[in-house]
Amino acid sequence: GLGNNIDTNVFTEVTDLIDKNITAIAAYNSHSLALSDNGKVYAAGYNYYGQFGLGNNTNTNVFIEAIDLSN
């Protein structure tokens, strides 16, 4: 979700999520999810099997809004 495809082995601030009030995160082998306090889920990484729930299998290296659970 850093906007590039460079591997890193240190914690790095994800500036795209600073103003999103993230309350929970989940990470798997090749994608990450972040839940905001207003019920929106942001996703980044591989979406090969459509795991972001967007109706496509487009990968992304920046966090995008995937699901709105506030409804």
N, C-alpha and C. Protein backbone atom coordinates (compact mmCIF):
# COMPACT_ATOMS: atom_id res chain seq x y z
N GLY A 1 0.77 -1.20 0.00
CA GLY A 1 0.00 0.00 0.00
C GLY A 1 0.82 1.27 0.00
N LEU A 2 2.14 1.15 -0.23
CA LEU A 2 3.01 2.32 -0.21
C LEU A 2 3.12 3.01 -1.56
N GLY A 3 2.50 2.45 -2.59
CA GLY A 3 2.54 3.07 -3.90
C GLY A 3 3.70 2.62 -4.76
N ASN A 4 4.41 1.60 -4.32
CA ASN A 4 5.51 1.05 -5.12
C ASN A 4 5.55 -0.46 -4.94
N ASN A 5 6.44 -1.11 -5.60
CA ASN A 5 6.55 -2.57 -5.50
C ASN A 5 7.89 -2.97 -4.90
N ILE A 6 8.40 -2.17 -3.99
CA ILE A 6 9.68 -2.42 -3.34
C ILE A 6 9.44 -3.14 -2.02
N ASP A 7 10.10 -4.28 -1.82
CA ASP A 7 9.99 -5.01 -0.56
C ASP A 7 10.68 -4.22 0.55
N THR A 8 10.08 -4.26 1.74
CA THR A 8 10.70 -3.62 2.90
C THR A 8 10.53 -4.53 4.10
N ASN A 9 11.50 -4.50 5.00
CA ASN A 9 11.41 -5.34 6.19
C ASN A 9 11.36 -4.50 7.46
N VAL A 10 10.94 -3.26 7.32
CA VAL A 10 10.75 -2.38 8.47
C VAL A 10 9.36 -1.75 8.38
N PHE A 11 8.78 -1.43 9.53
CA PHE A 11 7.48 -0.78 9.53
C PHE A 11 7.59 0.58 8.84
N THR A 12 6.63 0.86 7.99
CA THR A 12 6.63 2.11 7.22
C THR A 12 5.23 2.72 7.28
N GLU A 13 5.17 4.00 7.57
CA GLU A 13 3.88 4.67 7.65
C GLU A 13 3.20 4.71 6.29
N VAL A 14 1.93 4.34 6.27
CA VAL A 14 1.13 4.38 5.05
C VAL A 14 0.41 5.72 5.05
N THR A 15 0.97 6.68 4.36
CA THR A 15 0.45 8.05 4.42
C THR A 15 -0.96 8.18 3.85
N ASP A 16 -1.34 7.30 2.93
CA ASP A 16 -2.70 7.37 2.36
C ASP A 16 -3.78 7.10 3.39
N LEU A 17 -3.43 6.47 4.50
CA LEU A 17 -4.44 6.10 5.50
C LEU A 17 -4.42 6.99 6.74
N ILE A 18 -3.56 8.01 6.77
CA ILE A 18 -3.41 8.84 7.97
C ILE A 18 -4.73 9.44 8.43
N ASP A 19 -5.52 9.97 7.52
CA ASP A 19 -6.76 10.64 7.90
C ASP A 19 -7.98 9.72 7.89
N LYS A 20 -7.78 8.42 7.82
CA LYS A 20 -8.89 7.47 7.72
C LYS A 20 -9.33 6.90 9.07
N ASN A 21 -8.65 7.21 10.15
CA ASN A 21 -8.99 6.70 11.49
C ASN A 21 -9.12 5.18 11.49
N ILE A 22 -8.05 4.50 11.15
CA ILE A 22 -8.02 3.04 11.06
C ILE A 22 -8.10 2.44 12.45
N THR A 23 -9.02 1.47 12.62
CA THR A 23 -9.22 0.83 13.92
C THR A 23 -8.75 -0.62 13.93
N ALA A 24 -8.58 -1.23 12.75
CA ALA A 24 -8.15 -2.62 12.69
C ALA A 24 -7.45 -2.87 11.35
N ILE A 25 -6.52 -3.79 11.37
CA ILE A 25 -5.84 -4.17 10.14
C ILE A 25 -5.79 -5.69 10.06
N ALA A 26 -5.69 -6.19 8.84
CA ALA A 26 -5.51 -7.61 8.60
C ALA A 26 -4.55 -7.73 7.43
N ALA A 27 -3.62 -8.65 7.54
CA ALA A 27 -2.65 -8.83 6.47
C ALA A 27 -2.49 -10.31 6.18
N TYR A 28 -2.37 -10.62 4.92
CA TYR A 28 -2.14 -11.98 4.49
C TYR A 28 -0.85 -11.99 3.70
N ASN A 29 -0.59 -13.04 3.02
CA ASN A 29 0.65 -13.21 2.26
C ASN A 29 0.86 -12.13 1.21
N SER A 30 -0.20 -11.70 0.55
CA SER A 30 -0.01 -10.79 -0.57
C SER A 30 -1.03 -9.66 -0.64
N HIS A 31 -1.81 -9.45 0.41
CA HIS A 31 -2.71 -8.30 0.44
C HIS A 31 -2.97 -7.89 1.88
N SER A 32 -3.38 -6.64 2.04
CA SER A 32 -3.67 -6.09 3.36
C SER A 32 -5.01 -5.38 3.33
N LEU A 33 -5.69 -5.38 4.48
CA LEU A 33 -6.97 -4.71 4.63
C LEU A 33 -6.90 -3.80 5.85
N ALA A 34 -7.58 -2.67 5.78
CA ALA A 34 -7.64 -1.74 6.89
C ALA A 34 -9.09 -1.31 7.08
N LEU A 35 -9.57 -1.34 8.32
CA LEU A 35 -10.95 -0.96 8.64
C LEU A 35 -10.93 0.39 9.34
N SER A 36 -11.73 1.33 8.84
CA SER A 36 -11.80 2.65 9.46
C SER A 36 -12.95 2.69 10.47
N ASP A 37 -12.93 3.70 11.31
CA ASP A 37 -13.96 3.81 12.34
C ASP A 37 -15.34 4.13 11.77
N ASN A 38 -15.43 4.50 10.49
CA ASN A 38 -16.74 4.77 9.88
C ASN A 38 -17.24 3.59 9.05
N GLY A 39 -16.57 2.42 9.16
CA GLY A 39 -17.05 1.21 8.51
C GLY A 39 -16.53 0.97 7.11
N LYS A 40 -15.61 1.76 6.64
CA LYS A 40 -15.05 1.54 5.31
C LYS A 40 -13.82 0.64 5.40
N VAL A 41 -13.70 -0.26 4.43
CA VAL A 41 -12.56 -1.17 4.37
C VAL A 41 -11.71 -0.76 3.18
N TYR A 42 -10.41 -0.61 3.43
CA TYR A 42 -9.45 -0.25 2.40
C TYR A 42 -8.56 -1.47 2.15
N ALA A 43 -8.21 -1.69 0.89
CA ALA A 43 -7.44 -2.87 0.51
C ALA A 43 -6.27 -2.47 -0.38
N ALA A 44 -5.19 -3.26 -0.27
CA ALA A 44 -4.03 -3.06 -1.14
C ALA A 44 -3.35 -4.40 -1.34
N GLY A 45 -2.75 -4.58 -2.50
CA GLY A 45 -2.00 -5.80 -2.79
C GLY A 45 -2.59 -6.56 -3.94
N TYR A 46 -2.37 -7.88 -3.90
CA TYR A 46 -2.86 -8.75 -4.96
C TYR A 46 -4.34 -9.02 -4.77
N ASN A 47 -5.08 -8.95 -5.86
CA ASN A 47 -6.52 -9.18 -5.87
C ASN A 47 -6.85 -10.23 -6.93
N TYR A 48 -5.94 -11.17 -7.12
CA TYR A 48 -6.03 -12.14 -8.20
C TYR A 48 -7.34 -12.92 -8.19
N TYR A 49 -7.83 -13.25 -7.02
CA TYR A 49 -9.06 -14.04 -6.91
C TYR A 49 -10.28 -13.17 -6.58
N GLY A 50 -10.14 -11.85 -6.69
CA GLY A 50 -11.25 -10.95 -6.40
C GLY A 50 -11.53 -10.79 -4.92
N GLN A 51 -10.54 -11.03 -4.08
CA GLN A 51 -10.75 -11.01 -2.63
C GLN A 51 -11.09 -9.61 -2.09
N PHE A 52 -10.91 -8.55 -2.89
CA PHE A 52 -11.29 -7.22 -2.42
C PHE A 52 -12.80 -7.00 -2.52
N GLY A 53 -13.51 -7.88 -3.21
CA GLY A 53 -14.96 -7.77 -3.31
C GLY A 53 -15.44 -6.68 -4.24
N LEU A 54 -14.63 -6.29 -5.23
CA LEU A 54 -14.98 -5.21 -6.14
C LEU A 54 -15.52 -5.67 -7.48
N GLY A 55 -15.62 -6.98 -7.68
CA GLY A 55 -16.10 -7.50 -8.95
C GLY A 55 -15.03 -7.53 -10.03
N ASN A 56 -13.77 -7.40 -9.64
CA ASN A 56 -12.67 -7.50 -10.59
C ASN A 56 -11.49 -8.20 -9.92
N ASN A 57 -10.43 -8.38 -10.65
CA ASN A 57 -9.23 -8.98 -10.06
C ASN A 57 -8.00 -8.09 -10.32
N THR A 58 -8.21 -6.79 -10.20
CA THR A 58 -7.15 -5.81 -10.43
C THR A 58 -6.32 -5.63 -9.16
N ASN A 59 -5.01 -5.81 -9.27
CA ASN A 59 -4.10 -5.59 -8.16
C ASN A 59 -3.87 -4.10 -7.96
N THR A 60 -3.46 -3.69 -6.77
CA THR A 60 -3.16 -2.28 -6.51
C THR A 60 -2.04 -2.17 -5.48
N ASN A 61 -1.14 -1.20 -5.68
CA ASN A 61 -0.08 -1.01 -4.70
C ASN A 61 -0.34 0.22 -3.82
N VAL A 62 -1.55 0.75 -3.88
CA VAL A 62 -2.01 1.80 -2.95
C VAL A 62 -3.34 1.34 -2.37
N PHE A 63 -3.66 1.81 -1.18
CA PHE A 63 -4.92 1.42 -0.56
C PHE A 63 -6.08 2.09 -1.28
N ILE A 64 -7.09 1.30 -1.60
CA ILE A 64 -8.31 1.78 -2.24
C ILE A 64 -9.50 1.39 -1.38
N GLU A 65 -10.58 2.15 -1.48
CA GLU A 65 -11.79 1.78 -0.74
C GLU A 65 -12.39 0.55 -1.40
N ALA A 66 -12.52 -0.51 -0.63
CA ALA A 66 -13.01 -1.76 -1.16
C ALA A 66 -14.47 -2.00 -0.79
N ILE A 67 -14.81 -1.78 0.46
CA ILE A 67 -16.14 -2.11 0.94
C ILE A 67 -16.59 -1.03 1.93
N ASP A 68 -17.86 -0.68 1.88
CA ASP A 68 -18.42 0.25 2.84
C ASP A 68 -19.40 -0.52 3.72
N LEU A 69 -19.02 -0.79 4.97
CA LEU A 69 -19.84 -1.56 5.89
C LEU A 69 -20.74 -0.67 6.75
N SER A 70 -20.75 0.62 6.50
CA SER A 70 -21.51 1.55 7.33
C SER A 70 -23.01 1.48 7.09
N ASN A 71 -23.45 0.86 6.03
CA ASN A 71 -24.89 0.81 5.72
C ASN A 71 -25.61 -0.21 6.55
